[in-house]
Amino acid sequence: SILHLILCRQPFADIARGTKRIEYRDYTLYWRTRLEGRKYDVIHFRN
């Protein structure tokens, strides 16, 4: 199960370097439906 997320250049680079270990998202209806009650194995990031 894959969670697809789009990132800007700097956060993408920070994750690639290993300095960013947590990605934050606002608690909105959109993110609630995509995140709560689901189980993901992998996150697919695109810059």
ModelCIF file with pLDDT and N, C-alpha, C, O atoms, coordinates in Angstrom:
data_MODEL
#
_entry.id   MODEL 
#
_entity.id                         1 
_entity.type                       polymer 
_entity.pdbx_number_of_molecules   1 
#
_entity_poly.entity_id                      1 
_entity_poly.type                           'polypeptide(L)' 
_entity_poly.nstd_linkage                   no 
_entity_poly.nstd_monomer                   no 
_entity_poly.pdbx_seq_one_letter_code       SILHLILCRQPFADIARGTKRIEYRDYTLYWRTRLEGRKYDVIHFRN 
_entity_poly.pdbx_seq_one_letter_code_can   SILHLILCRQPFADIARGTKRIEYRDYTLYWRTRLEGRKYDVIHFRN 
_entity_poly.pdbx_strand_id                 A 
#
loop_
_entity_poly_seq.entity_id 
_entity_poly_seq.num 
_entity_poly_seq.mon_id 
_entity_poly_seq.hetero 
1 1  SER n 
1 2  ILE n 
1 3  LEU n 
1 4  HIS n 
1 5  LEU n 
1 6  ILE n 
1 7  LEU n 
1 8  CYS n 
1 9  ARG n 
1 10 GLN n 
1 11 PRO n 
1 12 PHE n 
1 13 ALA n 
1 14 ASP n 
1 15 ILE n 
1 16 ALA n 
1 17 ARG n 
1 18 GLY n 
1 19 THR n 
1 20 LYS n 
1 21 ARG n 
1 22 ILE n 
1 23 GLU n 
1 24 TYR n 
1 25 ARG n 
1 26 ASP n 
1 27 TYR n 
1 28 THR n 
1 29 LEU n 
1 30 TYR n 
1 31 TRP n 
1 32 ARG n 
1 33 THR n 
1 34 ARG n 
1 35 LEU n 
1 36 GLU n 
1 37 GLY n 
1 38 ARG n 
1 39 LYS n 
1 40 TYR n 
1 41 ASP n 
1 42 VAL n 
1 43 ILE n 
1 44 HIS n 
1 45 PHE n 
1 46 ARG n 
1 47 ASN n 
#
_struct_asym.id          A 
_struct_asym.entity_id   1 
#
loop_
_ma_qa_metric.id 
_ma_qa_metric.mode 
_ma_qa_metric.name 
_ma_qa_metric.software_group_id 
_ma_qa_metric.type 
1 global pLDDT . pLDDT 
2 local  pLDDT . pLDDT 
#
_ma_qa_metric_global.metric_id      1 
_ma_qa_metric_global.metric_value   95.23 
_ma_qa_metric_global.model_id       1 
_ma_qa_metric_global.ordinal_id     1 
#
loop_
_ma_qa_metric_local.label_asym_id 
_ma_qa_metric_local.label_comp_id 
_ma_qa_metric_local.label_seq_id 
_ma_qa_metric_local.metric_id 
_ma_qa_metric_local.metric_value 
_ma_qa_metric_local.model_id 
_ma_qa_metric_local.ordinal_id 
A SER 1  2 94.00 1 1  
A ILE 2  2 96.00 1 2  
A LEU 3  2 96.00 1 3  
A HIS 4  2 96.00 1 4  
A LEU 5  2 96.00 1 5  
A ILE 6  2 95.00 1 6  
A LEU 7  2 96.00 1 7  
A CYS 8  2 94.00 1 8  
A ARG 9  2 94.00 1 9  
A GLN 10 2 95.00 1 10 
A PRO 11 2 95.00 1 11 
A PHE 12 2 95.00 1 12 
A ALA 13 2 95.00 1 13 
A ASP 14 2 96.00 1 14 
A ILE 15 2 96.00 1 15 
A ALA 16 2 94.00 1 16 
A ARG 17 2 94.00 1 17 
A GLY 18 2 93.00 1 18 
A THR 19 2 95.00 1 19 
A LYS 20 2 96.00 1 20 
A ARG 21 2 97.00 1 21 
A ILE 22 2 97.00 1 22 
A GLU 23 2 96.00 1 23 
A TYR 24 2 96.00 1 24 
A ARG 25 2 96.00 1 25 
A ASP 26 2 95.00 1 26 
A TYR 27 2 95.00 1 27 
A THR 28 2 94.00 1 28 
A LEU 29 2 95.00 1 29 
A TYR 30 2 96.00 1 30 
A TRP 31 2 96.00 1 31 
A ARG 32 2 94.00 1 32 
A THR 33 2 95.00 1 33 
A ARG 34 2 95.00 1 34 
A LEU 35 2 96.00 1 35 
A GLU 36 2 93.00 1 36 
A GLY 37 2 92.00 1 37 
A ARG 38 2 93.00 1 38 
A LYS 39 2 94.00 1 39 
A TYR 40 2 96.00 1 40 
A ASP 41 2 96.00 1 41 
A VAL 42 2 97.00 1 42 
A ILE 43 2 97.00 1 43 
A HIS 44 2 97.00 1 44 
A PHE 45 2 97.00 1 45 
A ARG 46 2 96.00 1 46 
A ASN 47 2 94.00 1 47 
#
loop_
_atom_site.group_PDB 
_atom_site.id 
_atom_site.type_symbol 
_atom_site.label_atom_id 
_atom_site.label_alt_id 
_atom_site.label_comp_id 
_atom_site.label_asym_id 
_atom_site.label_entity_id 
_atom_site.label_seq_id 
_atom_site.pdbx_PDB_ins_code 
_atom_site.Cartn_x 
_atom_site.Cartn_y 
_atom_site.Cartn_z 
_atom_site.occupancy 
_atom_site.B_iso_or_equiv 
_atom_site.pdbx_formal_charge 
_atom_site.auth_seq_id 
_atom_site.auth_comp_id 
_atom_site.auth_asym_id 
_atom_site.auth_atom_id 
_atom_site.pdbx_PDB_model_num 
ATOM 1   N N  . SER A 1 1  ? 0.856   -1.176 0.000  1.00 94.00 ? 1  SER A N  1 
ATOM 2   C CA . SER A 1 1  ? 0.000   0.000  0.000  1.00 94.00 ? 1  SER A CA 1 
ATOM 3   C C  . SER A 1 1  ? 0.900   1.236  0.000  1.00 94.00 ? 1  SER A C  1 
ATOM 4   O O  . SER A 1 1  ? 1.784   1.366  0.847  1.00 94.00 ? 1  SER A O  1 
ATOM 5   N N  . ILE A 1 2  ? 0.670   2.149  -0.961 1.00 96.00 ? 2  ILE A N  1 
ATOM 6   C CA . ILE A 1 2  ? 1.560   3.285  -1.159 1.00 96.00 ? 2  ILE A CA 1 
ATOM 7   C C  . ILE A 1 2  ? 0.817   4.595  -0.923 1.00 96.00 ? 2  ILE A C  1 
ATOM 8   O O  . ILE A 1 2  ? -0.278  4.806  -1.445 1.00 96.00 ? 2  ILE A O  1 
ATOM 9   N N  . LEU A 1 3  ? 1.428   5.471  -0.130 1.00 96.00 ? 3  LEU A N  1 
ATOM 10  C CA . LEU A 1 3  ? 0.939   6.829  0.087  1.00 96.00 ? 3  LEU A CA 1 
ATOM 11  C C  . LEU A 1 3  ? 1.739   7.743  -0.839 1.00 96.00 ? 3  LEU A C  1 
ATOM 12  O O  . LEU A 1 3  ? 2.966   7.788  -0.752 1.00 96.00 ? 3  LEU A O  1 
ATOM 13  N N  . HIS A 1 4  ? 1.062   8.467  -1.716 1.00 96.00 ? 4  HIS A N  1 
ATOM 14  C CA . HIS A 1 4  ? 1.723   9.351  -2.677 1.00 96.00 ? 4  HIS A CA 1 
ATOM 15  C C  . HIS A 1 4  ? 1.694   10.786 -2.145 1.00 96.00 ? 4  HIS A C  1 
ATOM 16  O O  . HIS A 1 4  ? 0.630   11.315 -1.826 1.00 96.00 ? 4  HIS A O  1 
ATOM 17  N N  . LEU A 1 5  ? 2.879   11.413 -2.053 1.00 96.00 ? 5  LEU A N  1 
ATOM 18  C CA . LEU A 1 5  ? 2.980   12.787 -1.577 1.00 96.00 ? 5  LEU A CA 1 
ATOM 19  C C  . LEU A 1 5  ? 3.874   13.604 -2.504 1.00 96.00 ? 5  LEU A C  1 
ATOM 20  O O  . LEU A 1 5  ? 4.884   13.102 -2.999 1.00 96.00 ? 5  LEU A O  1 
ATOM 21  N N  . ILE A 1 6  ? 3.506   14.851 -2.736 1.00 95.00 ? 6  ILE A N  1 
ATOM 22  C CA . ILE A 1 6  ? 4.282   15.784 -3.542 1.00 95.00 ? 6  ILE A CA 1 
ATOM 23  C C  . ILE A 1 6  ? 4.987   16.749 -2.593 1.00 95.00 ? 6  ILE A C  1 
ATOM 24  O O  . ILE A 1 6  ? 4.380   17.251 -1.647 1.00 95.00 ? 6  ILE A O  1 
ATOM 25  N N  . LEU A 1 7  ? 6.265   17.005 -2.847 1.00 96.00 ? 7  LEU A N  1 
ATOM 26  C CA . LEU A 1 7  ? 7.049   17.905 -2.007 1.00 96.00 ? 7  LEU A CA 1 
ATOM 27  C C  . LEU A 1 7  ? 7.754   18.966 -2.844 1.00 96.00 ? 7  LEU A C  1 
ATOM 28  O O  . LEU A 1 7  ? 7.996   18.773 -4.035 1.00 96.00 ? 7  LEU A O  1 
ATOM 29  N N  . CYS A 1 8  ? 8.077   20.081 -2.211 1.00 94.00 ? 8  CYS A N  1 
ATOM 30  C CA . CYS A 1 8  ? 8.926   21.094 -2.830 1.00 94.00 ? 8  CYS A CA 1 
ATOM 31  C C  . CYS A 1 8  ? 10.383  20.628 -2.750 1.00 94.00 ? 8  CYS A C  1 
ATOM 32  O O  . CYS A 1 8  ? 10.684  19.608 -2.129 1.00 94.00 ? 8  CYS A O  1 
ATOM 33  N N  . ARG A 1 9  ? 11.265  21.373 -3.374 1.00 94.00 ? 9  ARG A N  1 
ATOM 34  C CA . ARG A 1 9  ? 12.664  20.966 -3.491 1.00 94.00 ? 9  ARG A CA 1 
ATOM 35  C C  . ARG A 1 9  ? 13.377  20.770 -2.147 1.00 94.00 ? 9  ARG A C  1 
ATOM 36  O O  . ARG A 1 9  ? 14.018  19.739 -1.938 1.00 94.00 ? 9  ARG A O  1 
ATOM 37  N N  . GLN A 1 10 ? 13.275  21.738 -1.240 1.00 95.00 ? 10 GLN A N  1 
ATOM 38  C CA . GLN A 1 10 ? 14.045  21.658 0.003  1.00 95.00 ? 10 GLN A CA 1 
ATOM 39  C C  . GLN A 1 10 ? 13.618  20.494 0.904  1.00 95.00 ? 10 GLN A C  1 
ATOM 40  O O  . GLN A 1 10 ? 14.485  19.742 1.350  1.00 95.00 ? 10 GLN A O  1 
ATOM 41  N N  . PRO A 1 11 ? 12.326  20.309 1.193  1.00 95.00 ? 11 PRO A N  1 
ATOM 42  C CA . PRO A 1 11 ? 11.945  19.151 2.010  1.00 95.00 ? 11 PRO A CA 1 
ATOM 43  C C  . PRO A 1 11 ? 12.319  17.820 1.353  1.00 95.00 ? 11 PRO A C  1 
ATOM 44  O O  . PRO A 1 11 ? 12.705  16.875 2.041  1.00 95.00 ? 11 PRO A O  1 
ATOM 45  N N  . PHE A 1 12 ? 12.207  17.746 0.026  1.00 95.00 ? 12 PHE A N  1 
ATOM 46  C CA . PHE A 1 12 ? 12.593  16.531 -0.700 1.00 95.00 ? 12 PHE A CA 1 
ATOM 47  C C  . PHE A 1 12 ? 14.081  16.249 -0.498 1.00 95.00 ? 12 PHE A C  1 
ATOM 48  O O  . PHE A 1 12 ? 14.472  15.114 -0.224 1.00 95.00 ? 12 PHE A O  1 
ATOM 49  N N  . ALA A 1 13 ? 14.913  17.293 -0.636 1.00 95.00 ? 13 ALA A N  1 
ATOM 50  C CA . ALA A 1 13 ? 16.364  17.142 -0.454 1.00 95.00 ? 13 ALA A CA 1 
ATOM 51  C C  . ALA A 1 13 ? 16.707  16.758 0.982  1.00 95.00 ? 13 ALA A C  1 
ATOM 52  O O  . ALA A 1 13 ? 17.608  15.949 1.202  1.00 95.00 ? 13 ALA A O  1 
ATOM 53  N N  . ASP A 1 14 ? 16.007  17.321 1.957  1.00 96.00 ? 14 ASP A N  1 
ATOM 54  C CA . ASP A 1 14 ? 16.259  16.992 3.367  1.00 96.00 ? 14 ASP A CA 1 
ATOM 55  C C  . ASP A 1 14 ? 15.958  15.530 3.664  1.00 96.00 ? 14 ASP A C  1 
ATOM 56  O O  . ASP A 1 14 ? 16.699  14.882 4.403  1.00 96.00 ? 14 ASP A O  1 
ATOM 57  N N  . ILE A 1 15 ? 14.887  15.010 3.101  1.00 96.00 ? 15 ILE A N  1 
ATOM 58  C CA . ILE A 1 15 ? 14.547  13.593 3.296  1.00 96.00 ? 15 ILE A CA 1 
ATOM 59  C C  . ILE A 1 15 ? 15.586  12.718 2.607  1.00 96.00 ? 15 ILE A C  1 
ATOM 60  O O  . ILE A 1 15 ? 16.015  11.707 3.162  1.00 96.00 ? 15 ILE A O  1 
ATOM 61  N N  . ALA A 1 16 ? 15.991  13.101 1.404  1.00 94.00 ? 16 ALA A N  1 
ATOM 62  C CA . ALA A 1 16 ? 16.990  12.324 0.663  1.00 94.00 ? 16 ALA A CA 1 
ATOM 63  C C  . ALA A 1 16 ? 18.322  12.276 1.409  1.00 94.00 ? 16 ALA A C  1 
ATOM 64  O O  . ALA A 1 16 ? 19.007  11.253 1.378  1.00 94.00 ? 16 ALA A O  1 
ATOM 65  N N  . ARG A 1 17 ? 18.700  13.371 2.081  1.00 94.00 ? 17 ARG A N  1 
ATOM 66  C CA . ARG A 1 17 ? 19.944  13.412 2.869  1.00 94.00 ? 17 ARG A CA 1 
ATOM 67  C C  . ARG A 1 17 ? 19.809  12.663 4.191  1.00 94.00 ? 17 ARG A C  1 
ATOM 68  O O  . ARG A 1 17 ? 20.810  12.284 4.799  1.00 94.00 ? 17 ARG A O  1 
ATOM 69  N N  . GLY A 1 18 ? 18.588  12.454 4.628  1.00 93.00 ? 18 GLY A N  1 
ATOM 70  C CA . GLY A 1 18 ? 18.365  11.769 5.903  1.00 93.00 ? 18 GLY A CA 1 
ATOM 71  C C  . GLY A 1 18 ? 18.260  12.694 7.085  1.00 93.00 ? 18 GLY A C  1 
ATOM 72  O O  . GLY A 1 18 ? 18.240  12.223 8.222  1.00 93.00 ? 18 GLY A O  1 
ATOM 73  N N  . THR A 1 19 ? 18.192  14.000 6.867  1.00 95.00 ? 19 THR A N  1 
ATOM 74  C CA . THR A 1 19 ? 18.098  14.952 7.977  1.00 95.00 ? 19 THR A CA 1 
ATOM 75  C C  . THR A 1 19 ? 16.657  15.209 8.407  1.00 95.00 ? 19 THR A C  1 
ATOM 76  O O  . THR A 1 19 ? 16.413  15.706 9.506  1.00 95.00 ? 19 THR A O  1 
ATOM 77  N N  . LYS A 1 20 ? 15.713  14.873 7.550  1.00 96.00 ? 20 LYS A N  1 
ATOM 78  C CA . LYS A 1 20 ? 14.294  15.036 7.894  1.00 96.00 ? 20 LYS A CA 1 
ATOM 79  C C  . LYS A 1 20 ? 13.679  13.655 8.037  1.00 96.00 ? 20 LYS A C  1 
ATOM 80  O O  . LYS A 1 20 ? 13.610  12.906 7.063  1.00 96.00 ? 20 LYS A O  1 
ATOM 81  N N  . ARG A 1 21 ? 13.229  13.305 9.244  1.00 97.00 ? 21 ARG A N  1 
ATOM 82  C CA . ARG A 1 21 ? 12.688  11.977 9.533  1.00 97.00 ? 21 ARG A CA 1 
ATOM 83  C C  . ARG A 1 21 ? 11.185  11.975 9.746  1.00 97.00 ? 21 ARG A C  1 
ATOM 84  O O  . ARG A 1 21 ? 10.580  10.914 9.899  1.00 97.00 ? 21 ARG A O  1 
ATOM 85  N N  . ILE A 1 22 ? 10.568  13.173 9.758  1.00 97.00 ? 22 ILE A N  1 
ATOM 86  C CA . ILE A 1 22 ? 9.121   13.286 9.967  1.00 97.00 ? 22 ILE A CA 1 
ATOM 87  C C  . ILE A 1 22 ? 8.563   14.276 8.947  1.00 97.00 ? 22 ILE A C  1 
ATOM 88  O O  . ILE A 1 22 ? 9.116   15.358 8.751  1.00 97.00 ? 22 ILE A O  1 
ATOM 89  N N  . GLU A 1 23 ? 7.463   13.893 8.300  1.00 96.00 ? 23 GLU A N  1 
ATOM 90  C CA . GLU A 1 23 ? 6.755   14.779 7.366  1.00 96.00 ? 23 GLU A CA 1 
ATOM 91  C C  . GLU A 1 23 ? 5.454   15.197 8.037  1.00 96.00 ? 23 GLU A C  1 
ATOM 92  O O  . GLU A 1 23 ? 4.716   14.354 8.545  1.00 96.00 ? 23 GLU A O  1 
ATOM 93  N N  . TYR A 1 24 ? 5.172   16.498 8.041  1.00 96.00 ? 24 TYR A N  1 
ATOM 94  C CA . TYR A 1 24 ? 3.992   17.029 8.720  1.00 96.00 ? 24 TYR A CA 1 
ATOM 95  C C  . TYR A 1 24 ? 2.899   17.389 7.720  1.00 96.00 ? 24 TYR A C  1 
ATOM 96  O O  . TYR A 1 24 ? 3.174   17.863 6.618  1.00 96.00 ? 24 TYR A O  1 
ATOM 97  N N  . ARG A 1 25 ? 1.654   17.154 8.127  1.00 96.00 ? 25 ARG A N  1 
ATOM 98  C CA . ARG A 1 25 ? 0.482   17.547 7.343  1.00 96.00 ? 25 ARG A CA 1 
ATOM 99  C C  . ARG A 1 25 ? -0.557  18.111 8.294  1.00 96.00 ? 25 ARG A C  1 
ATOM 100 O O  . ARG A 1 25 ? -0.674  17.662 9.435  1.00 96.00 ? 25 ARG A O  1 
ATOM 101 N N  . ASP A 1 26 ? -1.314  19.100 7.822  1.00 95.00 ? 26 ASP A N  1 
ATOM 102 C CA . ASP A 1 26 ? -2.370  19.703 8.639  1.00 95.00 ? 26 ASP A CA 1 
ATOM 103 C C  . ASP A 1 26 ? -3.486  18.693 8.902  1.00 95.00 ? 26 ASP A C  1 
ATOM 104 O O  . ASP A 1 26 ? -3.716  17.771 8.119  1.00 95.00 ? 26 ASP A O  1 
ATOM 105 N N  . TYR A 1 27 ? -4.157  18.892 10.008 1.00 95.00 ? 27 TYR A N  1 
ATOM 106 C CA . TYR A 1 27 ? -5.298  18.055 10.357 1.00 95.00 ? 27 TYR A CA 1 
ATOM 107 C C  . TYR A 1 27 ? -6.538  18.638 9.687  1.00 95.00 ? 27 TYR A C  1 
ATOM 108 O O  . TYR A 1 27 ? -7.267  19.433 10.281 1.00 95.00 ? 27 TYR A O  1 
ATOM 109 N N  . THR A 1 28 ? -6.762  18.230 8.442  1.00 94.00 ? 28 THR A N  1 
ATOM 110 C CA . THR A 1 28 ? -7.912  18.689 7.672  1.00 94.00 ? 28 THR A CA 1 
ATOM 111 C C  . THR A 1 28 ? -8.715  17.480 7.223  1.00 94.00 ? 28 THR A C  1 
ATOM 112 O O  . THR A 1 28 ? -8.258  16.343 7.337  1.00 94.00 ? 28 THR A O  1 
ATOM 113 N N  . LEU A 1 29 ? -9.910  17.730 6.715  1.00 95.00 ? 29 LEU A N  1 
ATOM 114 C CA . LEU A 1 29 ? -10.738 16.645 6.211  1.00 95.00 ? 29 LEU A CA 1 
ATOM 115 C C  . LEU A 1 29 ? -10.022 15.878 5.112  1.00 95.00 ? 29 LEU A C  1 
ATOM 116 O O  . LEU A 1 29 ? -10.095 14.650 5.067  1.00 95.00 ? 29 LEU A O  1 
ATOM 117 N N  . TYR A 1 30 ? -9.336  16.581 4.230  1.00 96.00 ? 30 TYR A N  1 
ATOM 118 C CA . TYR A 1 30 ? -8.597  15.933 3.134  1.00 96.00 ? 30 TYR A CA 1 
ATOM 119 C C  . TYR A 1 30 ? -7.568  14.935 3.673  1.00 96.00 ? 30 TYR A C  1 
ATOM 120 O O  . TYR A 1 30 ? -7.522  13.787 3.231  1.00 96.00 ? 30 TYR A O  1 
ATOM 121 N N  . TRP A 1 31 ? -6.741  15.377 4.635  1.00 96.00 ? 31 TRP A N  1 
ATOM 122 C CA . TRP A 1 31 ? -5.697  14.484 5.163  1.00 96.00 ? 31 TRP A CA 1 
ATOM 123 C C  . TRP A 1 31 ? -6.273  13.422 6.093  1.00 96.00 ? 31 TRP A C  1 
ATOM 124 O O  . TRP A 1 31 ? -5.721  12.325 6.183  1.00 96.00 ? 31 TRP A O  1 
ATOM 125 N N  . ARG A 1 32 ? -7.364  13.721 6.782  1.00 94.00 ? 32 ARG A N  1 
ATOM 126 C CA . ARG A 1 32 ? -8.008  12.703 7.617  1.00 94.00 ? 32 ARG A CA 1 
ATOM 127 C C  . ARG A 1 32 ? -8.451  11.522 6.774  1.00 94.00 ? 32 ARG A C  1 
ATOM 128 O O  . ARG A 1 32 ? -8.235  10.373 7.160  1.00 94.00 ? 32 ARG A O  1 
ATOM 129 N N  . THR A 1 33 ? -9.071  11.786 5.623  1.00 95.00 ? 33 THR A N  1 
ATOM 130 C CA . THR A 1 33 ? -9.563  10.685 4.786  1.00 95.00 ? 33 THR A CA 1 
ATOM 131 C C  . THR A 1 33 ? -8.413  9.911  4.146  1.00 95.00 ? 33 THR A C  1 
ATOM 132 O O  . THR A 1 33 ? -8.561  8.722  3.866  1.00 95.00 ? 33 THR A O  1 
ATOM 133 N N  . ARG A 1 34 ? -7.283  10.552 3.912  1.00 95.00 ? 34 ARG A N  1 
ATOM 134 C CA . ARG A 1 34 ? -6.152  9.863  3.295  1.00 95.00 ? 34 ARG A CA 1 
ATOM 135 C C  . ARG A 1 34 ? -5.276  9.128  4.308  1.00 95.00 ? 34 ARG A C  1 
ATOM 136 O O  . ARG A 1 34 ? -4.590  8.172  3.947  1.00 95.00 ? 34 ARG A O  1 
ATOM 137 N N  . LEU A 1 35 ? -5.290  9.555  5.561  1.00 96.00 ? 35 LEU A N  1 
ATOM 138 C CA . LEU A 1 35 ? -4.346  8.985  6.529  1.00 96.00 ? 35 LEU A CA 1 
ATOM 139 C C  . LEU A 1 35 ? -4.983  8.121  7.612  1.00 96.00 ? 35 LEU A C  1 
ATOM 140 O O  . LEU A 1 35 ? -4.463  7.047  7.914  1.00 96.00 ? 35 LEU A O  1 
ATOM 141 N N  . GLU A 1 36 ? -6.080  8.553  8.199  1.00 93.00 ? 36 GLU A N  1 
ATOM 142 C CA . GLU A 1 36 ? -6.655  7.820  9.328  1.00 93.00 ? 36 GLU A CA 1 
ATOM 143 C C  . GLU A 1 36 ? -7.350  6.541  8.871  1.00 93.00 ? 36 GLU A C  1 
ATOM 144 O O  . GLU A 1 36 ? -8.057  6.527  7.864  1.00 93.00 ? 36 GLU A O  1 
ATOM 145 N N  . GLY A 1 37 ? -7.140  5.485  9.617  1.00 92.00 ? 37 GLY A N  1 
ATOM 146 C CA . GLY A 1 37 ? -7.792  4.212  9.345  1.00 92.00 ? 37 GLY A CA 1 
ATOM 147 C C  . GLY A 1 37 ? -7.200  3.453  8.173  1.00 92.00 ? 37 GLY A C  1 
ATOM 148 O O  . GLY A 1 37 ? -7.791  2.475  7.715  1.00 92.00 ? 37 GLY A O  1 
ATOM 149 N N  . ARG A 1 38 ? -6.056  3.875  7.679  1.00 93.00 ? 38 ARG A N  1 
ATOM 150 C CA . ARG A 1 38 ? -5.399  3.186  6.571  1.00 93.00 ? 38 ARG A CA 1 
ATOM 151 C C  . ARG A 1 38 ? -4.025  2.713  6.993  1.00 93.00 ? 38 ARG A C  1 
ATOM 152 O O  . ARG A 1 38 ? -3.397  3.290  7.880  1.00 93.00 ? 38 ARG A O  1 
ATOM 153 N N  . LYS A 1 39 ? -3.574  1.672  6.356  1.00 94.00 ? 39 LYS A N  1 
ATOM 154 C CA . LYS A 1 39 ? -2.242  1.151  6.638  1.00 94.00 ? 39 LYS A CA 1 
ATOM 155 C C  . LYS A 1 39 ? -1.404  1.262  5.376  1.00 94.00 ? 39 LYS A C  1 
ATOM 156 O O  . LYS A 1 39 ? -1.765  0.724  4.329  1.00 94.00 ? 39 LYS A O  1 
ATOM 157 N N  . TYR A 1 40 ? -0.299  1.953  5.482  1.00 96.00 ? 40 TYR A N  1 
ATOM 158 C CA . TYR A 1 40 ? 0.610   2.116  4.349  1.00 96.00 ? 40 TYR A CA 1 
ATOM 159 C C  . TYR A 1 40 ? 1.915   1.382  4.636  1.00 96.00 ? 40 TYR A C  1 
ATOM 160 O O  . TYR A 1 40 ? 2.336   1.260  5.786  1.00 96.00 ? 40 TYR A O  1 
ATOM 161 N N  . ASP A 1 41 ? 2.543   0.899  3.579  1.00 96.00 ? 41 ASP A N  1 
ATOM 162 C CA . ASP A 1 41 ? 3.848   0.262  3.682  1.00 96.00 ? 41 ASP A CA 1 
ATOM 163 C C  . ASP A 1 41 ? 4.958   1.202  3.220  1.00 96.00 ? 41 ASP A C  1 
ATOM 164 O O  . ASP A 1 41 ? 6.052   1.217  3.783  1.00 96.00 ? 41 ASP A O  1 
ATOM 165 N N  . VAL A 1 42 ? 4.655   1.989  2.182  1.00 97.00 ? 42 VAL A N  1 
ATOM 166 C CA . VAL A 1 42 ? 5.657   2.828  1.530  1.00 97.00 ? 42 VAL A CA 1 
ATOM 167 C C  . VAL A 1 42 ? 5.071   4.202  1.234  1.00 97.00 ? 42 VAL A C  1 
ATOM 168 O O  . VAL A 1 42 ? 3.877   4.336  0.965  1.00 97.00 ? 42 VAL A O  1 
ATOM 169 N N  . ILE A 1 43 ? 5.936   5.234  1.286  1.00 97.00 ? 43 ILE A N  1 
ATOM 170 C CA . ILE A 1 43 ? 5.551   6.580  0.871  1.00 97.00 ? 43 ILE A CA 1 
ATOM 171 C C  . ILE A 1 43 ? 6.309   6.887  -0.414 1.00 97.00 ? 43 ILE A C  1 
ATOM 172 O O  . ILE A 1 43 ? 7.532   6.752  -0.469 1.00 97.00 ? 43 ILE A O  1 
ATOM 173 N N  . HIS A 1 44 ? 5.589   7.293  -1.431 1.00 97.00 ? 44 HIS A N  1 
ATOM 174 C CA . HIS A 1 44 ? 6.190   7.662  -2.703 1.00 97.00 ? 44 HIS A CA 1 
ATOM 175 C C  . HIS A 1 44 ? 6.226   9.185  -2.770 1.00 97.00 ? 44 HIS A C  1 
ATOM 176 O O  . HIS A 1 44 ? 5.188   9.830  -2.917 1.00 97.00 ? 44 HIS A O  1 
ATOM 177 N N  . PHE A 1 45 ? 7.426   9.758  -2.663 1.00 97.00 ? 45 PHE A N  1 
ATOM 178 C CA . PHE A 1 45 ? 7.601   11.202 -2.733 1.00 97.00 ? 45 PHE A CA 1 
ATOM 179 C C  . PHE A 1 45 ? 8.000   11.612 -4.144 1.00 97.00 ? 45 PHE A C  1 
ATOM 180 O O  . PHE A 1 45 ? 8.829   10.962 -4.780 1.00 97.00 ? 45 PHE A O  1 
ATOM 181 N N  . ARG A 1 46 ? 7.396   12.706 -4.630 1.00 96.00 ? 46 ARG A N  1 
ATOM 182 C CA . ARG A 1 46 ? 7.794   13.309 -5.907 1.00 96.00 ? 46 ARG A CA 1 
ATOM 183 C C  . ARG A 1 46 ? 8.160   14.758 -5.628 1.00 96.00 ? 46 ARG A C  1 
ATOM 184 O O  . ARG A 1 46 ? 7.519   15.440 -4.828 1.00 96.00 ? 46 ARG A O  1 
ATOM 185 N N  . ASN A 1 47 ? 9.202   15.208 -6.305 1.00 94.00 ? 47 ASN A N  1 
ATOM 186 C CA . ASN A 1 47 ? 9.630   16.597 -6.184 1.00 94.00 ? 47 ASN A CA 1 
ATOM 187 C C  . ASN A 1 47 ? 8.937   17.392 -7.279 1.00 94.00 ? 47 ASN A C  1 
ATOM 188 O O  . ASN A 1 47 ? 9.138   18.601 -7.386 1.00 94.00 ? 47 ASN A O  1 
#
